[in-house]
Amino acid sequence: MNMNTYDYILFDLDGTLTDPGLGITNSVMYALKKFNIEVPDRADLFKFIGPPLKGSFEEFYHFTPDQSELAVGYYREYFRKQGMLENSVYDGIPEMLDHLKASGKKLIVATSKPEAFTLEILRHFKLYDYFDFVAGATMDDTRNKKADIIRYALESCNITDKSSVIMIGDRKHDIIGAQENGLDSIGVLFGYGDRQELTDAGATFIAATPAEIEKLLL
């Protein structure tokens, strides 16, 4: 396959462009504490990185929809105040974005994180200017599934040729969301999903580093 046919490159944010592990787990711990739930091992909460929050509280802690909504509110309380910047850009990401942009590719963010937080994070870490469009979730959860966010990005950018688009992410949700929109995908191994998860989900390609992503696309 000629990789140069991808003119539009969609990127997940958490676990793909930045490592949000500390901020997200601190925010989840803060929310769970409100329900008198203590988590001794932070690594147990890494599963919250990637999928929509509300569903994660329901799936992992068997919260009711009402409890989950409350938990998301608490989570955002901490996240807004300090969690969003307890975060770092993965090594090699700015260089990779720079090279893709210079080659004429259109770069788009497609994330399940609320759009308002996403914009703040991208600006803070000086990544914002690389992107032609930023598609995130809505605060009221009317748009939070990865497939819906990808669809919103495609529609907003008037992209109709699906063969010219590829989605890059670290979790199965990114890969499945791409498939539901008829897109190819690259699963990355430096985030929070492993090779098994990404392969099982049907990733078109796998990349171990940002340099490998670049090699696949240029």
C-alpha atoms as a PDB file:
ATOM      1  CA  MET A   1       0.000   0.000   0.000  1.00  0.00           C
ATOM      2  CA  ASN A   2       1.290   3.467  -0.829  1.00  0.00           C
ATOM      3  CA  MET A   3       1.307   5.276   2.505  1.00  0.00           C
ATOM      4  CA  ASN A   4       1.614   8.672   0.810  1.00  0.00           C
ATOM      5  CA  THR A   5      -2.072   8.509  -0.089  1.00  0.00           C
ATOM      6  CA  TYR A   6      -2.938   9.673   3.450  1.00  0.00           C
ATOM      7  CA  ASP A   7      -3.455  13.415   3.193  1.00  0.00           C
ATOM      8  CA  TYR A   8      -5.397  13.756   6.453  1.00  0.00           C
ATOM      9  CA  ILE A   9      -3.953  12.383   9.672  1.00  0.00           C
ATOM     10  CA  LEU A  10      -6.157  12.133  12.760  1.00  0.00           C
ATOM     11  CA  PHE A  11      -4.455  11.884  16.158  1.00  0.00           C
ATOM     12  CA  ASP A  12      -5.819  10.793  19.487  1.00  0.00           C
ATOM     13  CA  LEU A  13      -4.508  13.021  22.320  1.00  0.00           C
ATOM     14  CA  ASP A  14      -4.106  11.016  25.555  1.00  0.00           C
ATOM     15  CA  GLY A  15      -1.498   8.287  25.220  1.00  0.00           C
ATOM     16  CA  THR A  16      -0.684   9.330  21.649  1.00  0.00           C
ATOM     17  CA  LEU A  17       0.501  12.949  21.648  1.00  0.00           C
ATOM     18  CA  THR A  18       0.878  13.394  25.411  1.00  0.00           C
ATOM     19  CA  ASP A  19       1.297  11.166  28.450  1.00  0.00           C
ATOM     20  CA  PRO A  20      -1.552  12.227  30.757  1.00  0.00           C
ATOM     21  CA  GLY A  21      -1.099   9.363  33.246  1.00  0.00           C
ATOM     22  CA  LEU A  22      -0.465  11.428  36.378  1.00  0.00           C
ATOM     23  CA  GLY A  23      -3.210  14.007  35.810  1.00  0.00           C
ATOM     24  CA  ILE A  24      -5.904  11.520  34.811  1.00  0.00           C
ATOM     25  CA  THR A  25      -5.204   9.079  37.657  1.00  0.00           C
ATOM     26  CA  ASN A  26      -5.044  11.922  40.198  1.00  0.00           C
ATOM     27  CA  SER A  27      -8.397  13.189  38.919  1.00  0.00           C
ATOM     28  CA  VAL A  28      -9.964   9.702  39.113  1.00  0.00           C
ATOM     29  CA  MET A  29      -8.557   9.215  42.645  1.00  0.00           C
ATOM     30  CA  TYR A  30     -10.030  12.575  43.677  1.00  0.00           C
ATOM     31  CA  ALA A  31     -13.444  11.556  42.299  1.00  0.00           C
ATOM     32  CA  LEU A  32     -13.405   8.073  43.851  1.00  0.00           C
ATOM     33  CA  LYS A  33     -12.411   9.513  47.237  1.00  0.00           C
ATOM     34  CA  LYS A  34     -15.734  11.390  47.242  1.00  0.00           C
ATOM     35  CA  PHE A  35     -17.368   7.929  47.241  1.00  0.00           C
ATOM     36  CA  ASN A  36     -14.999   6.699  49.986  1.00  0.00           C
ATOM     37  CA  ILE A  37     -13.099   4.514  47.521  1.00  0.00           C
ATOM     38  CA  GLU A  38      -9.320   4.455  47.979  1.00  0.00           C
ATOM     39  CA  VAL A  39      -7.078   3.126  45.190  1.00  0.00           C
ATOM     40  CA  PRO A  40      -3.713   1.890  46.522  1.00  0.00           C
ATOM     41  CA  ASP A  41      -2.148   1.269  43.109  1.00  0.00           C
ATOM     42  CA  ARG A  42      -2.259   4.121  40.584  1.00  0.00           C
ATOM     43  CA  ALA A  43      -1.587   1.651  37.738  1.00  0.00           C
ATOM     44  CA  ASP A  44      -5.082   0.176  38.323  1.00  0.00           C
ATOM     45  CA  LEU A  45      -6.492   3.447  36.980  1.00  0.00           C
ATOM     46  CA  PHE A  46      -4.560   3.520  33.704  1.00  0.00           C
ATOM     47  CA  LYS A  47      -7.584   1.794  32.144  1.00  0.00           C
ATOM     48  CA  PHE A  48      -9.385   5.153  32.478  1.00  0.00           C
ATOM     49  CA  ILE A  49      -7.023   6.655  29.888  1.00  0.00           C
ATOM     50  CA  GLY A  50      -8.674   6.630  26.470  1.00  0.00           C
ATOM     51  CA  PRO A  51     -12.331   5.615  26.776  1.00  0.00           C
ATOM     52  CA  PRO A  52     -15.160   8.023  27.691  1.00  0.00           C
ATOM     53  CA  LEU A  53     -15.134   8.711  31.448  1.00  0.00           C
ATOM     54  CA  LYS A  54     -18.772   8.134  32.332  1.00  0.00           C
ATOM     55  CA  GLY A  55     -18.777   4.626  30.900  1.00  0.00           C
ATOM     56  CA  SER A  56     -15.512   3.850  32.672  1.00  0.00           C
ATOM     57  CA  PHE A  57     -16.926   4.644  36.115  1.00  0.00           C
ATOM     58  CA  GLU A  58     -19.902   2.412  35.289  1.00  0.00           C
ATOM     59  CA  GLU A  59     -17.784  -0.422  33.905  1.00  0.00           C
ATOM     60  CA  PHE A  60     -14.914  -0.455  36.395  1.00  0.00           C
ATOM     61  CA  TYR A  61     -16.726   0.590  39.602  1.00  0.00           C
ATOM     62  CA  HIS A  62     -20.300  -0.471  38.780  1.00  0.00           C
ATOM     63  CA  PHE A  63     -21.581   3.053  39.371  1.00  0.00           C
ATOM     64  CA  THR A  64     -25.158   3.856  38.372  1.00  0.00           C
ATOM     65  CA  PRO A  65     -25.538   6.418  35.555  1.00  0.00           C
ATOM     66  CA  ASP A  66     -26.345   9.082  38.193  1.00  0.00           C
ATOM     67  CA  GLN A  67     -23.301   8.199  40.298  1.00  0.00           C
ATOM     68  CA  SER A  68     -21.135   8.235  37.180  1.00  0.00           C
ATOM     69  CA  GLU A  69     -22.351  11.687  36.259  1.00  0.00           C
ATOM     70  CA  LEU A  70     -21.495  12.889  39.752  1.00  0.00           C
ATOM     71  CA  ALA A  71     -18.069  11.215  39.538  1.00  0.00           C
ATOM     72  CA  VAL A  72     -17.334  12.909  36.194  1.00  0.00           C
ATOM     73  CA  GLY A  73     -18.200  16.255  37.810  1.00  0.00           C
ATOM     74  CA  TYR A  74     -15.730  15.608  40.652  1.00  0.00           C
ATOM     75  CA  TYR A  75     -13.117  14.398  38.183  1.00  0.00           C
ATOM     76  CA  ARG A  76     -13.401  17.596  36.164  1.00  0.00           C
ATOM     77  CA  GLU A  77     -13.187  19.696  39.337  1.00  0.00           C
ATOM     78  CA  TYR A  78      -9.659  18.403  39.956  1.00  0.00           C
ATOM     79  CA  PHE A  79      -8.728  18.100  36.282  1.00  0.00           C
ATOM     80  CA  ARG A  80      -9.685  21.694  35.497  1.00  0.00           C
ATOM     81  CA  LYS A  81      -7.746  23.022  38.500  1.00  0.00           C
ATOM     82  CA  GLN A  82      -4.486  21.098  38.054  1.00  0.00           C
ATOM     83  CA  GLY A  83      -4.856  17.638  36.498  1.00  0.00           C
ATOM     84  CA  MET A  84      -4.819  18.746  32.890  1.00  0.00           C
ATOM     85  CA  LEU A  85      -1.275  20.075  33.190  1.00  0.00           C
ATOM     86  CA  GLU A  86       0.016  17.026  35.102  1.00  0.00           C
ATOM     87  CA  ASN A  87       0.913  15.818  31.652  1.00  0.00           C
ATOM     88  CA  SER A  88       3.893  15.712  29.274  1.00  0.00           C
ATOM     89  CA  VAL A  89       4.498  15.524  25.523  1.00  0.00           C
ATOM     90  CA  TYR A  90       6.014  12.228  24.369  1.00  0.00           C
ATOM     91  CA  ASP A  91       9.598  12.472  23.099  1.00  0.00           C
ATOM     92  CA  GLY A  92       9.726  12.874  19.327  1.00  0.00           C
ATOM     93  CA  ILE A  93       6.134  14.108  18.903  1.00  0.00           C
ATOM     94  CA  PRO A  94       6.899  17.779  18.038  1.00  0.00           C
ATOM     95  CA  GLU A  95       9.547  16.706  15.513  1.00  0.00           C
ATOM     96  CA  MET A  96       7.190  14.188  13.910  1.00  0.00           C
ATOM     97  CA  LEU A  97       4.337  16.741  13.686  1.00  0.00           C
ATOM     98  CA  ASP A  98       6.766  19.271  12.257  1.00  0.00           C
ATOM     99  CA  HIS A  99       7.864  16.902   9.478  1.00  0.00           C
ATOM    100  CA  LEU A 100       4.308  15.791   8.633  1.00  0.00           C
ATOM    101  CA  LYS A 101       3.108  19.399   8.500  1.00  0.00           C
ATOM    102  CA  ALA A 102       6.072  20.450   6.343  1.00  0.00           C
ATOM    103  CA  SER A 103       5.247  17.674   3.873  1.00  0.00           C
ATOM    104  CA  GLY A 104       1.768  19.135   3.349  1.00  0.00           C
ATOM    105  CA  LYS A 105      -0.282  16.696   5.448  1.00  0.00           C
ATOM    106  CA  LYS A 106      -3.413  18.048   7.153  1.00  0.00           C
ATOM    107  CA  LEU A 107      -3.272  17.190  10.873  1.00  0.00           C
ATOM    108  CA  ILE A 108      -6.390  16.839  13.025  1.00  0.00           C
ATOM    109  CA  VAL A 109      -6.921  15.941  16.690  1.00  0.00           C
ATOM    110  CA  ALA A 110      -9.780  13.497  17.406  1.00  0.00           C
ATOM    111  CA  THR A 111     -10.092  12.842  21.140  1.00  0.00           C
ATOM    112  CA  SER A 112     -12.700  11.737  23.685  1.00  0.00           C
ATOM    113  CA  LYS A 113     -11.432  14.471  26.012  1.00  0.00           C
ATOM    114  CA  PRO A 114     -13.720  17.533  26.166  1.00  0.00           C
ATOM    115  CA  GLU A 115     -12.798  20.011  23.457  1.00  0.00           C
ATOM    116  CA  ALA A 116     -12.293  22.900  25.899  1.00  0.00           C
ATOM    117  CA  PHE A 117      -9.682  20.936  27.887  1.00  0.00           C
ATOM    118  CA  THR A 118      -8.059  19.659  24.694  1.00  0.00           C
ATOM    119  CA  LEU A 119      -7.533  23.177  23.337  1.00  0.00           C
ATOM    120  CA  GLU A 120      -5.994  24.312  26.635  1.00  0.00           C
ATOM    121  CA  ILE A 121      -3.623  21.328  26.732  1.00  0.00           C
ATOM    122  CA  LEU A 122      -2.535  21.741  23.100  1.00  0.00           C
ATOM    123  CA  ARG A 123      -1.870  25.453  23.619  1.00  0.00           C
ATOM    124  CA  HIS A 124      -0.029  24.935  26.907  1.00  0.00           C
ATOM    125  CA  PHE A 125       2.292  22.328  25.404  1.00  0.00           C
ATOM    126  CA  LYS A 126       2.778  24.373  22.196  1.00  0.00           C
ATOM    127  CA  LEU A 127       1.209  21.731  19.937  1.00  0.00           C
ATOM    128  CA  TYR A 128      -1.866  23.693  18.852  1.00  0.00           C
ATOM    129  CA  ASP A 129      -0.328  25.340  15.778  1.00  0.00           C
ATOM    130  CA  TYR A 130       0.410  21.993  14.128  1.00  0.00           C
ATOM    131  CA  PHE A 131      -3.282  21.177  13.769  1.00  0.00           C
ATOM    132  CA  ASP A 132      -5.791  22.242  11.140  1.00  0.00           C
ATOM    133  CA  PHE A 133      -8.764  21.176  13.269  1.00  0.00           C
ATOM    134  CA  VAL A 134      -9.435  19.933  16.802  1.00  0.00           C
ATOM    135  CA  ALA A 135     -12.371  17.575  17.416  1.00  0.00           C
ATOM    136  CA  GLY A 136     -13.144  16.706  21.024  1.00  0.00           C
ATOM    137  CA  ALA A 137     -16.025  15.549  23.171  1.00  0.00           C
ATOM    138  CA  THR A 138     -18.792  17.843  24.398  1.00  0.00           C
ATOM    139  CA  MET A 139     -19.085  18.526  28.148  1.00  0.00           C
ATOM    140  CA  ASP A 140     -22.663  17.215  28.174  1.00  0.00           C
ATOM    141  CA  ASP A 141     -21.559  13.867  26.688  1.00  0.00           C
ATOM    142  CA  THR A 142     -23.760  14.199  23.605  1.00  0.00           C
ATOM    143  CA  ARG A 143     -20.567  13.550  21.628  1.00  0.00           C
ATOM    144  CA  ASN A 144     -18.076  11.325  23.460  1.00  0.00           C
ATOM    145  CA  LYS A 145     -17.736   8.034  21.545  1.00  0.00           C
ATOM    146  CA  LYS A 146     -14.614   7.871  19.400  1.00  0.00           C
ATOM    147  CA  ALA A 147     -16.548   6.952  16.243  1.00  0.00           C
ATOM    148  CA  ASP A 148     -18.787  10.031  16.674  1.00  0.00           C
ATOM    149  CA  ILE A 149     -15.797  12.305  17.268  1.00  0.00           C
ATOM    150  CA  ILE A 150     -14.046  11.002  14.153  1.00  0.00           C
ATOM    151  CA  ARG A 151     -17.248  11.483  12.148  1.00  0.00           C
ATOM    152  CA  TYR A 152     -17.546  15.043  13.474  1.00  0.00           C
ATOM    153  CA  ALA A 153     -13.929  15.752  12.423  1.00  0.00           C
ATOM    154  CA  LEU A 154     -14.515  14.378   8.906  1.00  0.00           C
ATOM    155  CA  GLU A 155     -17.744  16.322   8.450  1.00  0.00           C
ATOM    156  CA  SER A 156     -16.316  19.564   9.864  1.00  0.00           C
ATOM    157  CA  CYS A 157     -13.350  19.379   7.472  1.00  0.00           C
ATOM    158  CA  ASN A 158     -15.531  18.309   4.497  1.00  0.00           C
ATOM    159  CA  ILE A 159     -13.494  15.142   4.000  1.00  0.00           C
ATOM    160  CA  THR A 160     -15.293  12.652   1.782  1.00  0.00           C
ATOM    161  CA  ASP A 161     -12.447  10.475   0.448  1.00  0.00           C
ATOM    162  CA  LYS A 162     -11.994   8.018   3.317  1.00  0.00           C
ATOM    163  CA  SER A 163      -8.978   6.406   1.638  1.00  0.00           C
ATOM    164  CA  SER A 164      -7.034   9.646   2.154  1.00  0.00           C
ATOM    165  CA  VAL A 165      -7.480   9.553   5.959  1.00  0.00           C
ATOM    166  CA  ILE A 166      -5.782   7.567   8.727  1.00  0.00           C
ATOM    167  CA  MET A 167      -6.459   7.546  12.494  1.00  0.00           C
ATOM    168  CA  ILE A 168      -3.610   7.190  15.012  1.00  0.00           C
ATOM    169  CA  GLY A 169      -4.198   6.122  18.612  1.00  0.00           C
ATOM    170  CA  ASP A 170      -3.048   3.947  21.494  1.00  0.00           C
ATOM    171  CA  ARG A 171      -6.256   2.167  22.512  1.00  0.00           C
ATOM    172  CA  LYS A 172      -8.779  -0.166  20.883  1.00  0.00           C
ATOM    173  CA  HIS A 173     -11.391   2.632  20.926  1.00  0.00           C
ATOM    174  CA  ASP A 174      -9.291   4.583  18.413  1.00  0.00           C
ATOM    175  CA  ILE A 175      -8.954   1.596  16.102  1.00  0.00           C
ATOM    176  CA  ILE A 176     -12.635   0.582  16.345  1.00  0.00           C
ATOM    177  CA  GLY A 177     -13.751   4.208  15.897  1.00  0.00           C
ATOM    178  CA  ALA A 178     -11.637   4.394  12.731  1.00  0.00           C
ATOM    179  CA  GLN A 179     -13.127   1.142  11.387  1.00  0.00           C
ATOM    180  CA  GLU A 180     -16.681   2.359  12.060  1.00  0.00           C
ATOM    181  CA  ASN A 181     -15.880   5.339   9.830  1.00  0.00           C
ATOM    182  CA  GLY A 182     -14.205   3.239   7.130  1.00  0.00           C
ATOM    183  CA  LEU A 183     -10.687   4.479   7.920  1.00  0.00           C
ATOM    184  CA  ASP A 184      -7.289   2.816   8.182  1.00  0.00           C
ATOM    185  CA  SER A 185      -5.466   3.153  11.491  1.00  0.00           C
ATOM    186  CA  ILE A 186      -2.089   3.089  13.211  1.00  0.00           C
ATOM    187  CA  GLY A 187      -1.929   1.669  16.727  1.00  0.00           C
ATOM    188  CA  VAL A 188       0.931   3.126  18.802  1.00  0.00           C
ATOM    189  CA  LEU A 189       2.815   1.131  21.425  1.00  0.00           C
ATOM    190  CA  PHE A 190       4.167   4.010  23.526  1.00  0.00           C
ATOM    191  CA  GLY A 191       0.751   4.844  25.043  1.00  0.00           C
ATOM    192  CA  TYR A 192      -1.613   2.820  27.236  1.00  0.00           C
ATOM    193  CA  GLY A 193      -2.687  -0.012  24.938  1.00  0.00           C
ATOM    194  CA  ASP A 194      -0.479  -2.987  24.087  1.00  0.00           C
ATOM    195  CA  ARG A 195       0.192  -4.777  20.808  1.00  0.00           C
ATOM    196  CA  GLN A 196      -2.388  -7.478  21.608  1.00  0.00           C
ATOM    197  CA  GLU A 197      -5.185  -4.966  22.230  1.00  0.00           C
ATOM    198  CA  LEU A 198      -4.404  -2.997  19.073  1.00  0.00           C
ATOM    199  CA  THR A 199      -3.948  -6.063  16.871  1.00  0.00           C
ATOM    200  CA  ASP A 200      -7.157  -7.665  18.176  1.00  0.00           C
ATOM    201  CA  ALA A 201      -9.025  -4.421  17.459  1.00  0.00           C
ATOM    202  CA  GLY A 202      -7.790  -4.592  13.846  1.00  0.00           C
ATOM    203  CA  ALA A 203      -5.168  -1.844  13.547  1.00  0.00           C
ATOM    204  CA  THR A 204      -3.952  -1.524   9.952  1.00  0.00           C
ATOM    205  CA  PHE A 205      -0.409  -0.747  11.127  1.00  0.00           C
ATOM    206  CA  ILE A 206       1.482  -0.753  14.429  1.00  0.00           C
ATOM    207  CA  ALA A 207       4.159   1.823  15.363  1.00  0.00           C
ATOM    208  CA  ALA A 208       6.478   1.614  18.368  1.00  0.00           C
ATOM    209  CA  THR A 209       7.718   5.224  18.245  1.00  0.00           C
ATOM    210  CA  PRO A 210       6.783   8.618  16.759  1.00  0.00           C
ATOM    211  CA  ALA A 211       9.680   8.124  14.308  1.00  0.00           C
ATOM    212  CA  GLU A 212       8.002   4.904  13.095  1.00  0.00           C
ATOM    213  CA  ILE A 213       4.720   6.762  12.561  1.00  0.00           C
ATOM    214  CA  GLU A 214       6.608   9.278  10.433  1.00  0.00           C
ATOM    215  CA  LYS A 215       8.284   6.510   8.461  1.00  0.00           C
ATOM    216  CA  LEU A 216       4.911   4.914   7.737  1.00  0.00           C
ATOM    217  CA  LEU A 217       3.390   8.183   6.555  1.00  0.00           C
ATOM    218  CA  LEU A 218       6.175   9.871   4.585  1.00  0.00           C
END
